[in-house]
Amino acid sequence: MGGDLAPDAIVAGACRAAREWGCRILLVGDSAKLRPLVKRDGAP
C-alpha cells in the first residue's frame, strides 16, 4: 500500500466501501499496521 497518505487513507476507504456497499474487502500488507487502522475505521 503506497501513496502519500498510506496506509491510513486506503484502509479508511476500504472500510467505508465495505460499510456502504456491503462488500468484503481483502487488505494485503503488514497486519500489525493494518489491524489498528481497521479497528479505528470501523470495518463491519
N, C-alpha and C. Protein backbone atom coordinates (compact mmCIF):
# COMPACT_ATOMS: atom_id res chain seq x y z
N MET A 1 0.85 -1.17 0.00
CA MET A 1 0.00 0.00 0.00
C MET A 1 0.89 1.22 0.00
N GLY A 2 0.87 1.93 -1.10
CA GLY A 2 1.70 3.11 -1.21
C GLY A 2 0.88 4.36 -1.35
N GLY A 3 1.56 5.46 -1.39
CA GLY A 3 0.88 6.75 -1.55
C GLY A 3 1.26 7.69 -0.44
N ASP A 4 0.90 8.94 -0.61
CA ASP A 4 1.25 9.96 0.37
C ASP A 4 0.58 9.73 1.72
N LEU A 5 -0.63 9.20 1.72
CA LEU A 5 -1.38 9.04 2.97
C LEU A 5 -1.60 7.57 3.33
N ALA A 6 -0.78 6.72 2.77
CA ALA A 6 -0.93 5.27 3.02
C ALA A 6 -0.31 4.88 4.35
N PRO A 7 -0.81 3.86 4.99
CA PRO A 7 -1.97 3.08 4.59
C PRO A 7 -3.29 3.65 5.12
N ASP A 8 -3.24 4.74 5.87
CA ASP A 8 -4.44 5.28 6.51
C ASP A 8 -5.59 5.53 5.53
N ALA A 9 -5.32 6.23 4.45
CA ALA A 9 -6.38 6.59 3.51
C ALA A 9 -6.93 5.36 2.79
N ILE A 10 -6.09 4.41 2.49
CA ILE A 10 -6.53 3.20 1.80
C ILE A 10 -7.45 2.39 2.71
N VAL A 11 -7.05 2.23 3.96
CA VAL A 11 -7.85 1.46 4.91
C VAL A 11 -9.17 2.16 5.18
N ALA A 12 -9.14 3.48 5.34
CA ALA A 12 -10.38 4.23 5.58
C ALA A 12 -11.35 4.05 4.41
N GLY A 13 -10.84 4.13 3.20
CA GLY A 13 -11.68 3.96 2.02
C GLY A 13 -12.22 2.54 1.89
N ALA A 14 -11.41 1.57 2.22
CA ALA A 14 -11.85 0.17 2.16
C ALA A 14 -12.95 -0.09 3.19
N CYS A 15 -12.78 0.43 4.38
CA CYS A 15 -13.79 0.24 5.43
C CYS A 15 -15.09 0.94 5.05
N ARG A 16 -14.98 2.11 4.48
CA ARG A 16 -16.18 2.84 4.06
C ARG A 16 -16.92 2.08 2.96
N ALA A 17 -16.18 1.56 1.99
CA ALA A 17 -16.80 0.79 0.91
C ALA A 17 -17.49 -0.45 1.46
N ALA A 18 -16.85 -1.12 2.39
CA ALA A 18 -17.45 -2.33 2.97
C ALA A 18 -18.75 -1.99 3.68
N ARG A 19 -18.77 -0.88 4.41
CA ARG A 19 -20.00 -0.47 5.11
C ARG A 19 -21.09 -0.04 4.14
N GLU A 20 -20.75 0.83 3.21
CA GLU A 20 -21.76 1.43 2.33
C GLU A 20 -22.28 0.47 1.26
N TRP A 21 -21.43 -0.40 0.75
CA TRP A 21 -21.83 -1.28 -0.34
C TRP A 21 -22.07 -2.71 0.11
N GLY A 22 -21.79 -2.99 1.38
CA GLY A 22 -21.99 -4.34 1.89
C GLY A 22 -21.10 -5.38 1.24
N CYS A 23 -19.91 -4.95 0.86
CA CYS A 23 -18.99 -5.89 0.20
C CYS A 23 -17.86 -6.27 1.15
N ARG A 24 -17.15 -7.30 0.77
CA ARG A 24 -15.98 -7.73 1.54
C ARG A 24 -14.74 -7.22 0.83
N ILE A 25 -13.79 -6.76 1.62
CA ILE A 25 -12.54 -6.22 1.09
C ILE A 25 -11.38 -7.02 1.68
N LEU A 26 -10.41 -7.34 0.88
CA LEU A 26 -9.22 -8.03 1.35
C LEU A 26 -8.06 -7.05 1.30
N LEU A 27 -7.52 -6.75 2.47
CA LEU A 27 -6.35 -5.87 2.56
C LEU A 27 -5.11 -6.75 2.71
N VAL A 28 -4.10 -6.47 1.94
CA VAL A 28 -2.87 -7.24 1.97
C VAL A 28 -1.74 -6.33 2.42
N GLY A 29 -1.04 -6.74 3.46
CA GLY A 29 0.06 -5.94 3.97
C GLY A 29 0.43 -6.37 5.37
N ASP A 30 1.15 -5.53 6.06
CA ASP A 30 1.61 -5.80 7.42
C ASP A 30 0.41 -5.73 8.38
N SER A 31 0.00 -6.88 8.89
CA SER A 31 -1.19 -6.93 9.74
C SER A 31 -1.02 -6.12 11.02
N ALA A 32 0.20 -5.98 11.51
CA ALA A 32 0.44 -5.18 12.72
C ALA A 32 0.11 -3.70 12.47
N LYS A 33 0.25 -3.25 11.25
CA LYS A 33 -0.09 -1.87 10.90
C LYS A 33 -1.56 -1.74 10.50
N LEU A 34 -2.10 -2.77 9.84
CA LEU A 34 -3.45 -2.69 9.30
C LEU A 34 -4.54 -2.89 10.35
N ARG A 35 -4.36 -3.84 11.25
CA ARG A 35 -5.41 -4.14 12.23
C ARG A 35 -5.87 -2.93 13.04
N PRO A 36 -4.95 -2.14 13.61
CA PRO A 36 -5.41 -0.97 14.38
C PRO A 36 -6.19 0.03 13.52
N LEU A 37 -5.80 0.18 12.27
CA LEU A 37 -6.49 1.10 11.38
C LEU A 37 -7.89 0.60 11.04
N VAL A 38 -8.00 -0.70 10.81
CA VAL A 38 -9.31 -1.29 10.51
C VAL A 38 -10.23 -1.14 11.72
N LYS A 39 -9.69 -1.36 12.92
CA LYS A 39 -10.49 -1.17 14.14
C LYS A 39 -10.93 0.28 14.27
N ARG A 40 -10.02 1.19 14.02
CA ARG A 40 -10.30 2.62 14.15
C ARG A 40 -11.40 3.06 13.18
N ASP A 41 -11.33 2.55 11.96
CA ASP A 41 -12.25 2.99 10.92
C ASP A 41 -13.56 2.22 10.91
N GLY A 42 -13.70 1.27 11.81
CA GLY A 42 -14.98 0.59 11.98
C GLY A 42 -15.41 -0.30 10.85
N ALA A 43 -14.57 -1.23 10.49
CA ALA A 43 -14.98 -2.20 9.46
C ALA A 43 -16.15 -3.02 9.99
N PRO A 44 -17.06 -3.36 9.11
CA PRO A 44 -18.23 -4.15 9.55
C PRO A 44 -17.85 -5.55 9.99
